[in-house]
N, C-alpha and C. Protein backbone atom coordinates (compact mmCIF):
# COMPACT_ATOMS: atom_id res chain seq x y z
N MET A 1 -8.28 -25.55 -12.39
CA MET A 1 -7.98 -25.03 -13.71
C MET A 1 -8.67 -23.69 -13.92
N ALA A 2 -9.93 -23.61 -13.56
CA ALA A 2 -10.67 -22.36 -13.74
C ALA A 2 -10.08 -21.26 -12.86
N ALA A 3 -9.62 -21.62 -11.67
CA ALA A 3 -9.05 -20.62 -10.77
C ALA A 3 -7.83 -19.95 -11.40
N LYS A 4 -6.98 -20.72 -12.07
CA LYS A 4 -5.80 -20.15 -12.72
C LYS A 4 -6.20 -19.18 -13.83
N TRP A 5 -7.24 -19.53 -14.57
CA TRP A 5 -7.71 -18.67 -15.65
C TRP A 5 -8.27 -17.38 -15.07
N ILE A 6 -9.05 -17.50 -14.00
CA ILE A 6 -9.63 -16.32 -13.36
C ILE A 6 -8.52 -15.45 -12.78
N GLU A 7 -7.54 -16.08 -12.13
CA GLU A 7 -6.43 -15.32 -11.56
C GLU A 7 -5.61 -14.62 -12.63
N ALA A 8 -5.52 -15.21 -13.80
CA ALA A 8 -4.80 -14.56 -14.90
C ALA A 8 -5.47 -13.25 -15.27
N LEU A 9 -6.77 -13.17 -15.12
CA LEU A 9 -7.50 -11.96 -15.46
C LEU A 9 -7.63 -10.99 -14.29
N THR A 10 -7.82 -11.52 -13.10
CA THR A 10 -8.15 -10.66 -11.96
C THR A 10 -7.04 -10.50 -10.95
N GLY A 11 -6.04 -11.34 -11.00
CA GLY A 11 -4.99 -11.32 -9.98
C GLY A 11 -5.23 -12.43 -8.97
N SER A 12 -4.36 -12.50 -8.01
CA SER A 12 -4.38 -13.57 -7.02
C SER A 12 -5.65 -13.55 -6.17
N LEU A 13 -6.33 -14.67 -6.14
CA LEU A 13 -7.51 -14.80 -5.29
C LEU A 13 -7.12 -14.80 -3.82
N GLU A 14 -5.97 -15.36 -3.50
CA GLU A 14 -5.48 -15.38 -2.12
C GLU A 14 -5.22 -13.94 -1.64
N GLN A 15 -4.62 -13.12 -2.50
CA GLN A 15 -4.38 -11.72 -2.13
C GLN A 15 -5.69 -10.99 -1.90
N LYS A 16 -6.68 -11.26 -2.71
CA LYS A 16 -7.99 -10.63 -2.53
C LYS A 16 -8.60 -11.04 -1.19
N LYS A 17 -8.45 -12.31 -0.83
CA LYS A 17 -8.95 -12.80 0.45
C LYS A 17 -8.22 -12.10 1.60
N GLN A 18 -6.90 -11.99 1.50
CA GLN A 18 -6.12 -11.33 2.54
C GLN A 18 -6.49 -9.84 2.64
N TYR A 19 -6.75 -9.22 1.50
CA TYR A 19 -7.14 -7.81 1.51
C TYR A 19 -8.49 -7.62 2.20
N ARG A 20 -9.43 -8.49 1.92
CA ARG A 20 -10.74 -8.42 2.59
C ARG A 20 -10.59 -8.62 4.10
N GLN A 21 -9.70 -9.51 4.51
CA GLN A 21 -9.45 -9.72 5.94
C GLN A 21 -8.86 -8.45 6.57
N TYR A 22 -7.93 -7.84 5.86
CA TYR A 22 -7.33 -6.59 6.32
C TYR A 22 -8.41 -5.52 6.51
N LYS A 23 -9.27 -5.36 5.50
CA LYS A 23 -10.33 -4.34 5.58
C LYS A 23 -11.25 -4.61 6.78
N ALA A 24 -11.57 -5.86 7.03
CA ALA A 24 -12.42 -6.21 8.18
C ALA A 24 -11.72 -5.85 9.49
N ARG A 25 -10.43 -6.06 9.56
CA ARG A 25 -9.67 -5.73 10.77
C ARG A 25 -9.69 -4.22 11.01
N ILE A 26 -9.51 -3.45 9.95
CA ILE A 26 -9.51 -1.99 10.07
C ILE A 26 -10.90 -1.51 10.49
N GLU A 27 -11.93 -2.10 9.91
CA GLU A 27 -13.31 -1.72 10.27
C GLU A 27 -13.62 -2.01 11.73
N ALA A 28 -13.00 -3.03 12.30
CA ALA A 28 -13.28 -3.44 13.67
C ALA A 28 -12.54 -2.61 14.72
N LEU A 29 -11.64 -1.75 14.30
CA LEU A 29 -10.87 -0.96 15.26
C LEU A 29 -11.76 0.04 15.99
N PRO A 30 -11.50 0.23 17.28
CA PRO A 30 -12.24 1.27 18.01
C PRO A 30 -11.77 2.66 17.58
N GLU A 31 -12.57 3.65 17.90
CA GLU A 31 -12.19 5.03 17.59
C GLU A 31 -11.21 5.53 18.64
N PRO A 32 -10.29 6.38 18.29
CA PRO A 32 -10.05 7.04 17.02
C PRO A 32 -9.17 6.24 16.06
N TYR A 33 -8.75 5.05 16.48
CA TYR A 33 -7.81 4.25 15.69
C TYR A 33 -8.39 3.88 14.32
N GLY A 34 -9.66 3.56 14.30
CA GLY A 34 -10.31 3.19 13.04
C GLY A 34 -10.28 4.32 12.03
N THR A 35 -10.60 5.51 12.49
CA THR A 35 -10.59 6.68 11.60
C THR A 35 -9.20 6.94 11.05
N VAL A 36 -8.21 6.91 11.92
CA VAL A 36 -6.83 7.18 11.49
C VAL A 36 -6.31 6.06 10.59
N ALA A 37 -6.64 4.82 10.91
CA ALA A 37 -6.22 3.69 10.08
C ALA A 37 -6.83 3.78 8.69
N LYS A 38 -8.11 4.14 8.60
CA LYS A 38 -8.77 4.28 7.30
C LYS A 38 -8.18 5.44 6.50
N ALA A 39 -7.88 6.53 7.19
CA ALA A 39 -7.27 7.67 6.50
C ALA A 39 -5.87 7.32 6.00
N THR A 40 -5.12 6.59 6.81
CA THR A 40 -3.78 6.16 6.39
C THR A 40 -3.88 5.19 5.22
N ASP A 41 -4.83 4.28 5.28
CA ASP A 41 -5.07 3.34 4.19
C ASP A 41 -5.34 4.09 2.89
N ARG A 42 -6.24 5.06 2.94
CA ARG A 42 -6.58 5.82 1.73
C ARG A 42 -5.34 6.54 1.18
N TYR A 43 -4.57 7.15 2.06
CA TYR A 43 -3.37 7.86 1.63
C TYR A 43 -2.39 6.90 0.97
N LEU A 44 -2.20 5.72 1.57
CA LEU A 44 -1.28 4.74 0.99
C LEU A 44 -1.76 4.25 -0.37
N MET A 45 -3.06 4.11 -0.53
CA MET A 45 -3.60 3.66 -1.82
C MET A 45 -3.37 4.70 -2.91
N VAL A 46 -3.44 5.97 -2.54
CA VAL A 46 -3.25 7.03 -3.52
C VAL A 46 -1.77 7.36 -3.71
N ALA A 47 -1.05 7.54 -2.62
CA ALA A 47 0.33 8.01 -2.69
C ALA A 47 1.37 6.91 -2.65
N GLY A 48 1.01 5.75 -2.10
CA GLY A 48 1.99 4.67 -1.95
C GLY A 48 2.47 4.12 -3.27
N GLY A 49 1.55 3.91 -4.19
CA GLY A 49 1.89 3.50 -5.54
C GLY A 49 2.43 2.09 -5.69
N ILE A 50 2.38 1.27 -4.68
CA ILE A 50 2.91 -0.09 -4.78
C ILE A 50 2.01 -0.92 -5.68
N VAL A 51 2.62 -1.59 -6.66
CA VAL A 51 1.85 -2.40 -7.61
C VAL A 51 2.05 -3.90 -7.41
N ASP A 52 2.97 -4.30 -6.58
CA ASP A 52 3.21 -5.71 -6.31
C ASP A 52 2.22 -6.16 -5.24
N GLY A 53 1.32 -7.07 -5.60
CA GLY A 53 0.26 -7.51 -4.69
C GLY A 53 0.77 -8.11 -3.40
N ASP A 54 1.81 -8.93 -3.48
CA ASP A 54 2.35 -9.56 -2.27
C ASP A 54 2.91 -8.51 -1.31
N VAL A 55 3.62 -7.53 -1.86
CA VAL A 55 4.19 -6.46 -1.03
C VAL A 55 3.05 -5.64 -0.41
N MET A 56 2.04 -5.34 -1.21
CA MET A 56 0.92 -4.55 -0.72
C MET A 56 0.19 -5.26 0.42
N VAL A 57 -0.08 -6.55 0.25
CA VAL A 57 -0.79 -7.30 1.29
C VAL A 57 0.05 -7.35 2.56
N THR A 58 1.35 -7.55 2.44
CA THR A 58 2.23 -7.56 3.61
C THR A 58 2.20 -6.21 4.31
N MET A 59 2.31 -5.14 3.55
CA MET A 59 2.31 -3.80 4.13
C MET A 59 0.99 -3.52 4.85
N LEU A 60 -0.13 -3.86 4.23
CA LEU A 60 -1.43 -3.59 4.84
C LEU A 60 -1.67 -4.45 6.07
N THR A 61 -1.21 -5.69 6.03
CA THR A 61 -1.32 -6.56 7.20
C THR A 61 -0.53 -5.97 8.36
N ASP A 62 0.66 -5.48 8.07
CA ASP A 62 1.48 -4.85 9.11
C ASP A 62 0.82 -3.57 9.63
N LEU A 63 0.16 -2.84 8.75
CA LEU A 63 -0.54 -1.63 9.16
C LEU A 63 -1.69 -1.98 10.12
N ALA A 64 -2.44 -3.02 9.79
CA ALA A 64 -3.52 -3.47 10.68
C ALA A 64 -2.94 -3.92 12.02
N ASP A 65 -1.83 -4.65 11.99
CA ASP A 65 -1.17 -5.07 13.24
C ASP A 65 -0.80 -3.85 14.09
N LEU A 66 -0.23 -2.84 13.44
CA LEU A 66 0.18 -1.63 14.14
C LEU A 66 -0.99 -0.97 14.86
N TRP A 67 -2.09 -0.80 14.13
CA TRP A 67 -3.25 -0.11 14.73
C TRP A 67 -3.94 -0.96 15.78
N GLU A 68 -3.99 -2.26 15.57
CA GLU A 68 -4.58 -3.13 16.60
C GLU A 68 -3.75 -3.09 17.89
N ARG A 69 -2.43 -3.10 17.74
CA ARG A 69 -1.56 -3.04 18.91
C ARG A 69 -1.70 -1.69 19.61
N ALA A 70 -1.74 -0.61 18.84
CA ALA A 70 -1.90 0.72 19.43
C ALA A 70 -3.22 0.82 20.18
N ALA A 71 -4.28 0.28 19.60
CA ALA A 71 -5.59 0.30 20.26
C ALA A 71 -5.56 -0.53 21.54
N ALA A 72 -4.95 -1.70 21.48
CA ALA A 72 -4.88 -2.57 22.66
C ALA A 72 -4.08 -1.92 23.78
N ASP A 73 -3.01 -1.21 23.41
CA ASP A 73 -2.15 -0.58 24.41
C ASP A 73 -2.67 0.80 24.84
N GLY A 74 -3.63 1.35 24.09
CA GLY A 74 -4.12 2.69 24.38
C GLY A 74 -3.15 3.78 23.99
N THR A 75 -2.29 3.50 23.02
CA THR A 75 -1.30 4.48 22.57
C THR A 75 -2.03 5.59 21.81
N PRO A 76 -1.78 6.85 22.17
CA PRO A 76 -2.41 7.95 21.44
C PRO A 76 -2.01 7.93 19.95
N VAL A 77 -2.96 8.26 19.07
CA VAL A 77 -2.67 8.20 17.64
C VAL A 77 -1.53 9.12 17.25
N ARG A 78 -1.41 10.27 17.89
CA ARG A 78 -0.29 11.18 17.56
C ARG A 78 1.06 10.57 17.93
N ASP A 79 1.09 9.69 18.90
CA ASP A 79 2.34 9.00 19.23
C ASP A 79 2.74 8.05 18.10
N ILE A 80 1.78 7.62 17.33
CA ILE A 80 2.06 6.73 16.20
C ILE A 80 2.43 7.54 14.96
N VAL A 81 1.58 8.49 14.58
CA VAL A 81 1.77 9.21 13.31
C VAL A 81 2.61 10.47 13.44
N GLY A 82 2.80 10.97 14.66
CA GLY A 82 3.58 12.18 14.84
C GLY A 82 2.83 13.42 14.38
N ASP A 83 3.59 14.50 14.16
CA ASP A 83 3.00 15.78 13.77
C ASP A 83 2.65 15.84 12.29
N ASP A 84 3.25 14.97 11.48
CA ASP A 84 3.02 14.98 10.03
C ASP A 84 2.56 13.59 9.58
N PRO A 85 1.25 13.34 9.60
CA PRO A 85 0.75 12.01 9.24
C PRO A 85 1.13 11.56 7.83
N SER A 86 1.23 12.50 6.89
CA SER A 86 1.62 12.09 5.53
C SER A 86 3.06 11.59 5.50
N GLU A 87 3.93 12.22 6.28
CA GLU A 87 5.33 11.76 6.36
C GLU A 87 5.38 10.38 6.99
N PHE A 88 4.56 10.17 8.03
CA PHE A 88 4.48 8.84 8.64
C PHE A 88 4.09 7.80 7.59
N ALA A 89 3.04 8.07 6.82
CA ALA A 89 2.55 7.11 5.83
C ALA A 89 3.60 6.85 4.75
N GLU A 90 4.25 7.90 4.29
CA GLU A 90 5.27 7.73 3.25
C GLU A 90 6.47 6.95 3.76
N THR A 91 6.88 7.22 4.98
CA THR A 91 7.99 6.46 5.58
C THR A 91 7.58 5.01 5.77
N PHE A 92 6.37 4.79 6.22
CA PHE A 92 5.85 3.43 6.39
C PHE A 92 5.89 2.69 5.06
N ALA A 93 5.43 3.30 3.99
CA ALA A 93 5.39 2.67 2.66
C ALA A 93 6.80 2.39 2.14
N ARG A 94 7.74 3.31 2.40
CA ARG A 94 9.12 3.12 1.92
C ARG A 94 9.79 1.90 2.54
N ALA A 95 9.28 1.46 3.67
CA ALA A 95 9.86 0.29 4.34
C ALA A 95 9.57 -1.01 3.58
N TYR A 96 8.68 -0.94 2.60
CA TYR A 96 8.27 -2.12 1.85
C TYR A 96 8.77 -1.99 0.42
N ASN A 97 9.80 -2.76 0.13
CA ASN A 97 10.38 -2.72 -1.21
C ASN A 97 9.48 -3.44 -2.18
N GLY A 98 9.17 -2.77 -3.23
CA GLY A 98 8.34 -3.36 -4.26
C GLY A 98 8.24 -2.36 -5.40
N LYS A 99 7.80 -2.85 -6.52
CA LYS A 99 7.62 -1.95 -7.66
C LYS A 99 6.47 -1.01 -7.36
N VAL A 100 6.66 0.23 -7.75
CA VAL A 100 5.60 1.22 -7.65
C VAL A 100 5.24 1.66 -9.06
N TRP A 101 4.05 2.20 -9.21
CA TRP A 101 3.59 2.58 -10.54
C TRP A 101 4.52 3.58 -11.19
N LEU A 102 5.20 4.41 -10.40
CA LEU A 102 6.10 5.40 -10.95
C LEU A 102 7.32 4.77 -11.62
N ASP A 103 7.72 3.57 -11.19
CA ASP A 103 8.83 2.87 -11.84
C ASP A 103 8.54 2.66 -13.32
N LYS A 104 7.34 2.24 -13.64
CA LYS A 104 6.94 2.02 -15.03
C LYS A 104 7.00 3.32 -15.82
N GLU A 105 6.55 4.41 -15.21
CA GLU A 105 6.56 5.70 -15.90
C GLU A 105 7.97 6.23 -16.08
N ARG A 106 8.85 5.98 -15.11
CA ARG A 106 10.25 6.38 -15.26
C ARG A 106 10.88 5.65 -16.44
N THR A 107 10.62 4.34 -16.51
CA THR A 107 11.16 3.54 -17.60
C THR A 107 10.63 4.04 -18.94
N ARG A 108 9.35 4.34 -18.99
CA ARG A 108 8.72 4.84 -20.22
C ARG A 108 9.33 6.17 -20.65
N LEU A 109 9.53 7.09 -19.69
CA LEU A 109 10.14 8.38 -19.99
C LEU A 109 11.57 8.21 -20.49
N ASN A 110 12.35 7.41 -19.78
CA ASN A 110 13.74 7.18 -20.20
C ASN A 110 13.82 6.59 -21.60
N LYS A 111 12.95 5.64 -21.91
CA LYS A 111 12.94 5.03 -23.24
C LYS A 111 12.57 6.05 -24.31
N ALA A 112 11.57 6.88 -24.03
CA ALA A 112 11.15 7.89 -25.00
C ALA A 112 12.28 8.86 -25.30
N VAL A 113 13.00 9.28 -24.27
CA VAL A 113 14.12 10.21 -24.47
C VAL A 113 15.25 9.51 -25.22
N ASP A 114 15.56 8.28 -24.85
CA ASP A 114 16.60 7.52 -25.55
C ASP A 114 16.26 7.35 -27.03
N ASP A 115 15.01 6.99 -27.32
CA ASP A 115 14.57 6.80 -28.70
C ASP A 115 14.67 8.11 -29.48
N ALA A 116 14.25 9.20 -28.87
CA ALA A 116 14.32 10.50 -29.55
C ALA A 116 15.76 10.92 -29.78
N ALA A 117 16.62 10.67 -28.81
CA ALA A 117 18.03 11.05 -28.95
C ALA A 117 18.70 10.25 -30.07
N ARG A 118 18.34 8.96 -30.21
CA ARG A 118 18.91 8.15 -31.30
C ARG A 118 18.48 8.67 -32.66
N LYS A 119 17.26 9.17 -32.76
CA LYS A 119 16.75 9.71 -34.03
C LYS A 119 17.42 11.03 -34.39
N GLU A 120 17.96 11.73 -33.38
CA GLU A 120 18.64 13.00 -33.61
C GLU A 120 19.94 12.83 -34.39
N LYS A 121 20.55 11.70 -34.22
CA LYS A 121 21.90 11.48 -34.79
C LYS A 121 21.89 11.32 -36.26
């Protein structure tokens, strides 16, 4: 019962556990994979904008899988991210359908314009 109340305030405890596991996996990566994975993580947190926790956890788990596999295979980081790492990160994020914070702002803008236009009449 208390867990449901806490989750109502803080979000899913399971998602938080999965996120901590993801962070530990990224921290354990050898260099240069760890550095690039952390930089990609930061970029996704700022630019990705995904607000659905389940989608975010899935995306980050897949990101950890990608970097772990690249490290295990010895794949050069540029072979993964290409010449434009930000484009790589944005393309990676687009593969995960979910609400992004910008969706809320688009809705808010559209409503404000609709409301103002109705008052014009």
